[in-house]
């Protein structure tokens, strides 16, 4: 099986290297990843300039760095390697839970794969920094991938690992909570005004959600769909049409 690896932390991320090493035991691996960090790039696509890629020396794997977004990397990688059957995105340095699935470049890369008819799996951990112990996480990642691979009807899955050795694995739904959304002004050392956008959640965590699972020590597996239609609202509105004939 041909497996394309990408991320949004950049081609030199230790999480990318760890994922490629794990995936090498499951199939033929090739990396197409951003040349710089592209965290929170969401599903942006480069359209105002051409894309290019260059071979990048990484240990024991064919790798390329792309001057584009995570979604760009997947689109270009699948174009150059049409035999791709699976796209793995990660392992991200930082969880992608709840409302974070919207700005996440990690999940967007997996979603781009699903849009192109290729299975996509996004993998994230709450760990951050170059010193994160990916060696300790590898058995759990391999276990999850071996569990998910036979489930071929799952086109897109968001996987989040807890900070410690997991207690188990749980199927979850996305945690949707409101945030304060405050703008906090400040000044840089030169006195120039700048702003921070805060995302402190208002509601408590709901049991059965991705955030609940990770905070409880489980691996969260959330199946994601591409169709964003609000089905309940659609049925209600179609029953009482208010649009002109």
Protein backbone atom coordinates (compact mmCIF):
# COMPACT_ATOMS: atom_id res chain seq x y z
CA UNK A 1 0.00 0.00 0.00
CA UNK A 2 1.28 3.49 -0.93
CA UNK A 3 1.10 5.90 2.01
CA UNK A 4 1.57 9.66 1.69
CA UNK A 5 2.73 11.44 4.86
CA UNK A 6 2.25 15.15 5.53
CA UNK A 7 1.68 17.62 8.38
CA UNK A 8 1.36 21.31 9.19
CA UNK A 9 4.42 21.56 11.49
CA UNK A 10 6.84 21.46 8.58
CA UNK A 11 8.99 18.82 6.93
CA UNK A 12 11.57 18.72 9.73
CA UNK A 13 9.08 18.08 12.55
CA UNK A 14 9.97 15.12 14.81
CA UNK A 15 6.31 14.10 14.74
CA UNK A 16 6.46 13.70 10.97
CA UNK A 17 9.60 11.58 11.22
CA UNK A 18 8.01 9.38 13.90
CA UNK A 19 4.86 8.85 11.81
CA UNK A 20 6.88 7.99 8.71
CA UNK A 21 8.88 5.42 10.67
CA UNK A 22 5.70 3.78 11.96
CA UNK A 23 3.97 3.83 8.57
CA UNK A 24 7.00 2.25 6.89
CA UNK A 25 5.95 -1.00 8.52
CA UNK A 26 2.52 -0.76 6.90
CA UNK A 27 3.38 0.14 3.31
CA UNK A 28 5.51 2.19 0.94
CA UNK A 29 5.97 5.68 2.38
CA UNK A 30 6.58 9.02 0.71
CA UNK A 31 6.57 12.46 2.38
CA UNK A 32 5.17 15.67 0.90
CA UNK A 33 5.19 18.29 3.66
CA UNK A 34 5.34 22.10 3.96
CA UNK A 35 8.82 23.63 3.80
CA UNK A 36 7.98 25.76 6.87
CA UNK A 37 5.51 25.49 9.73
CA UNK A 38 1.94 26.06 8.56
CA UNK A 39 0.00 25.56 11.80
CA UNK A 40 -3.59 26.84 11.72
CA UNK A 41 -3.47 27.18 7.93
CA UNK A 42 -6.86 25.44 7.82
CA UNK A 43 -7.90 24.31 4.33
CA UNK A 44 -6.25 27.15 2.45
CA UNK A 45 -5.17 26.42 -1.12
CA UNK A 46 -2.45 28.31 -2.98
CA UNK A 47 -3.90 29.81 -6.15
CA UNK A 48 -2.05 33.11 -6.74
CA UNK A 49 1.34 31.55 -7.49
CA UNK A 50 2.71 28.21 -8.71
CA UNK A 51 3.76 25.43 -6.34
CA UNK A 52 7.10 23.67 -6.39
CA UNK A 53 8.78 20.97 -4.35
CA UNK A 54 12.33 19.88 -3.61
CA UNK A 55 13.86 16.62 -2.46
CA UNK A 56 14.67 16.74 1.24
CA UNK A 57 17.14 14.44 2.99
CA UNK A 58 15.32 12.57 5.76
CA UNK A 59 16.39 9.30 7.29
CA UNK A 60 15.32 6.18 5.37
CA UNK A 61 12.39 7.81 3.55
CA UNK A 62 11.73 9.57 0.26
CA UNK A 63 10.74 13.10 1.24
CA UNK A 64 9.90 16.40 -0.45
CA UNK A 65 9.32 19.89 0.93
CA UNK A 66 6.59 21.96 -0.72
CA UNK A 67 6.28 25.75 -0.80
CA UNK A 68 2.61 25.57 0.06
CA UNK A 69 -0.04 24.68 2.62
CA UNK A 70 -0.82 21.22 4.05
CA UNK A 71 -3.74 20.86 1.61
CA UNK A 72 -1.41 21.88 -1.23
CA UNK A 73 1.03 19.17 -0.18
CA UNK A 74 -1.63 16.48 -0.36
CA UNK A 75 -2.99 17.63 -3.72
CA UNK A 76 0.50 17.84 -5.21
CA UNK A 77 1.62 14.59 -3.60
CA UNK A 78 -1.34 12.62 -4.94
CA UNK A 79 -0.86 14.19 -8.38
CA UNK A 80 2.79 13.12 -8.44
CA UNK A 81 2.07 9.74 -6.84
CA UNK A 82 -1.39 8.68 -8.09
CA UNK A 83 -1.00 5.22 -6.57
CA UNK A 84 -1.50 6.78 -3.11
CA UNK A 85 -4.08 4.81 -1.14
CA UNK A 86 -3.77 6.48 2.28
CA UNK A 87 -2.77 9.92 3.57
CA UNK A 88 -1.53 10.24 7.14
CA UNK A 89 -1.23 13.76 8.56
CA UNK A 90 0.82 14.39 11.70
CA UNK A 91 1.86 13.54 14.27
CA UNK A 92 0.88 17.10 15.18
CA UNK A 93 2.55 18.84 18.10
CA UNK A 94 -0.67 19.96 19.76
CA UNK A 95 -4.15 18.47 20.02
CA UNK A 96 -6.80 19.07 17.37
CA UNK A 97 -9.97 18.74 19.41
CA UNK A 98 -13.40 20.30 19.26
CA UNK A 99 -13.53 23.59 17.42
CA UNK A 100 -9.84 23.26 16.57
CA UNK A 101 -10.79 21.03 13.65
CA UNK A 102 -11.75 24.20 11.72
CA UNK A 103 -8.37 26.01 11.70
CA UNK A 104 -6.28 22.82 11.87
CA UNK A 105 -3.91 22.37 8.95
CA UNK A 106 -3.32 18.81 10.14
CA UNK A 107 -6.96 17.84 9.70
CA UNK A 108 -7.26 19.87 6.50
CA UNK A 109 -4.54 17.78 4.89
CA UNK A 110 -6.43 14.57 5.70
CA UNK A 111 -9.66 16.18 4.52
CA UNK A 112 -8.04 17.16 1.21
CA UNK A 113 -7.18 13.49 0.72
CA UNK A 114 -10.81 12.49 1.34
CA UNK A 115 -11.98 15.14 -1.15
CA UNK A 116 -9.71 13.50 -3.74
CA UNK A 117 -11.05 10.01 -3.03
CA UNK A 118 -8.15 8.86 -0.84
CA UNK A 119 -8.53 7.88 2.82
CA UNK A 120 -7.22 10.48 5.25
CA UNK A 121 -6.24 10.08 8.91
CA UNK A 122 -5.09 13.02 11.04
CA UNK A 123 -3.06 12.28 14.18
CA UNK A 124 -2.29 14.72 17.00
CA UNK A 125 -0.85 14.75 20.51
CA UNK A 126 -1.01 17.44 23.22
CA UNK A 127 2.78 17.34 23.49
CA UNK A 128 4.73 20.31 22.22
CA UNK A 129 8.38 21.07 21.54
CA UNK A 130 11.37 19.27 20.12
CA UNK A 131 11.82 17.15 23.26
CA UNK A 132 8.48 15.35 23.10
CA UNK A 133 8.92 11.59 23.60
CA UNK A 134 7.56 10.19 20.34
CA UNK A 135 9.32 6.88 20.99
CA UNK A 136 6.92 6.23 23.88
CA UNK A 137 3.93 7.15 21.68
CA UNK A 138 4.81 4.90 18.75
CA UNK A 139 3.19 1.68 20.08
CA UNK A 140 -0.13 3.48 20.56
CA UNK A 141 0.05 5.05 17.09
CA UNK A 142 0.78 1.69 15.47
CA UNK A 143 -2.06 0.06 17.41
CA UNK A 144 -4.53 2.71 16.23
CA UNK A 145 -3.42 2.54 12.59
CA UNK A 146 -3.63 -1.26 12.53
CA UNK A 147 -7.14 -0.96 13.97
CA UNK A 148 -8.30 1.70 11.47
CA UNK A 149 -6.81 0.34 8.25
CA UNK A 150 -9.31 -2.53 7.80
CA UNK A 151 -12.22 -0.08 8.28
CA UNK A 152 -12.09 0.98 4.64
CA UNK A 153 -15.46 2.77 4.62
CA UNK A 154 -14.09 5.41 7.01
CA UNK A 155 -12.85 8.07 4.61
CA UNK A 156 -11.72 10.61 7.21
CA UNK A 157 -10.80 10.15 10.88
CA UNK A 158 -9.45 12.61 13.43
CA UNK A 159 -7.20 10.86 15.99
CA UNK A 160 -6.02 12.50 19.21
CA UNK A 161 -3.74 10.91 21.78
CA UNK A 162 -3.62 11.75 25.50
CA UNK A 163 -0.51 13.14 27.16
CA UNK A 164 0.29 9.86 28.92
CA UNK A 165 0.08 6.17 28.05
CA UNK A 166 -3.55 5.73 26.92
CA UNK A 167 -6.07 3.78 28.97
CA UNK A 168 -7.74 2.60 25.78
CA UNK A 169 -9.46 3.85 22.64
CA UNK A 170 -12.87 5.51 22.31
CA UNK A 171 -15.07 6.46 19.36
CA UNK A 172 -16.10 10.07 19.97
CA UNK A 173 -17.98 13.00 18.53
CA UNK A 174 -16.56 16.47 18.08
CA UNK A 175 -16.78 18.70 21.14
CA UNK A 176 -18.54 21.89 20.06
CA UNK A 177 -18.26 24.60 22.70
CA UNK A 178 -18.58 28.34 22.59
CA UNK A 179 -15.48 30.43 23.28
CA UNK A 180 -15.11 33.87 24.79
CA UNK A 181 -13.52 35.19 21.57
CA UNK A 182 -12.00 38.20 23.31
CA UNK A 183 -9.47 40.51 21.71
CA UNK A 184 -6.68 41.40 24.16
CA UNK A 185 -4.59 44.40 23.12
CA UNK A 186 -0.93 44.83 23.98
CA UNK A 187 2.32 46.42 22.85
CA UNK A 188 5.58 44.97 21.56
CA UNK A 189 9.01 46.06 22.87
CA UNK A 190 9.03 48.95 20.38
CA UNK A 191 5.70 50.24 21.60
CA UNK A 192 3.72 49.11 18.58
CA UNK A 193 0.18 47.97 19.28
CA UNK A 194 -0.72 44.32 18.68
CA UNK A 195 -3.60 42.02 19.57
CA UNK A 196 -4.15 38.47 20.87
CA UNK A 197 -7.31 36.51 20.14
CA UNK A 198 -8.35 34.36 23.13
CA UNK A 199 -10.27 31.08 22.81
CA UNK A 200 -11.17 30.21 26.40
CA UNK A 201 -14.11 27.75 26.34
CA UNK A 202 -17.31 28.74 28.10
CA UNK A 203 -19.11 25.39 28.54
CA UNK A 204 -17.83 22.31 30.36
CA UNK A 205 -16.60 19.22 28.52
CA UNK A 206 -19.34 16.77 27.50
CA UNK A 207 -18.90 13.05 28.03
CA UNK A 208 -18.47 11.13 24.79
CA UNK A 209 -16.68 13.97 23.01
CA UNK A 210 -13.12 14.02 21.68
CA UNK A 211 -11.98 16.45 24.39
CA UNK A 212 -13.55 14.35 27.13
CA UNK A 213 -11.79 11.20 25.88
CA UNK A 214 -8.33 12.77 25.77
CA UNK A 215 -8.74 14.47 29.15
CA UNK A 216 -9.85 11.09 30.54
CA UNK A 217 -6.71 9.39 29.21
CA UNK A 218 -8.14 7.70 26.11
CA UNK A 219 -7.24 7.89 22.44
CA UNK A 220 -10.05 9.73 20.66
CA UNK A 221 -11.19 8.50 17.24
CA UNK A 222 -13.66 10.87 15.59
CA UNK A 223 -15.11 9.99 12.18
CA UNK A 224 -15.46 13.19 10.15
CA UNK A 225 -17.78 13.78 7.20
CA UNK A 226 -17.33 16.13 4.26
CA UNK A 227 -21.00 17.12 3.99
CA UNK A 228 -21.60 20.08 6.34
CA UNK A 229 -25.34 20.25 5.70
CA UNK A 230 -27.48 20.74 8.81
CA UNK A 231 -29.86 17.87 8.09
CA UNK A 232 -32.36 18.68 10.87
CA UNK A 233 -32.63 22.30 9.77
CA UNK A 234 -33.00 21.24 6.13
CA UNK A 235 -35.91 18.90 6.89
CA UNK A 236 -37.60 21.58 8.99
CA UNK A 237 -37.17 24.27 6.34
CA UNK A 238 -38.29 22.06 3.48
CA UNK A 239 -41.49 21.26 5.40
CA UNK A 240 -42.30 24.97 5.60
CA UNK A 241 -40.83 26.50 2.46
CA UNK A 242 -40.20 30.24 2.74
CA UNK A 243 -38.26 30.79 -0.46
CA UNK A 244 -39.99 32.28 -3.54
CA UNK A 245 -41.30 29.81 -6.10
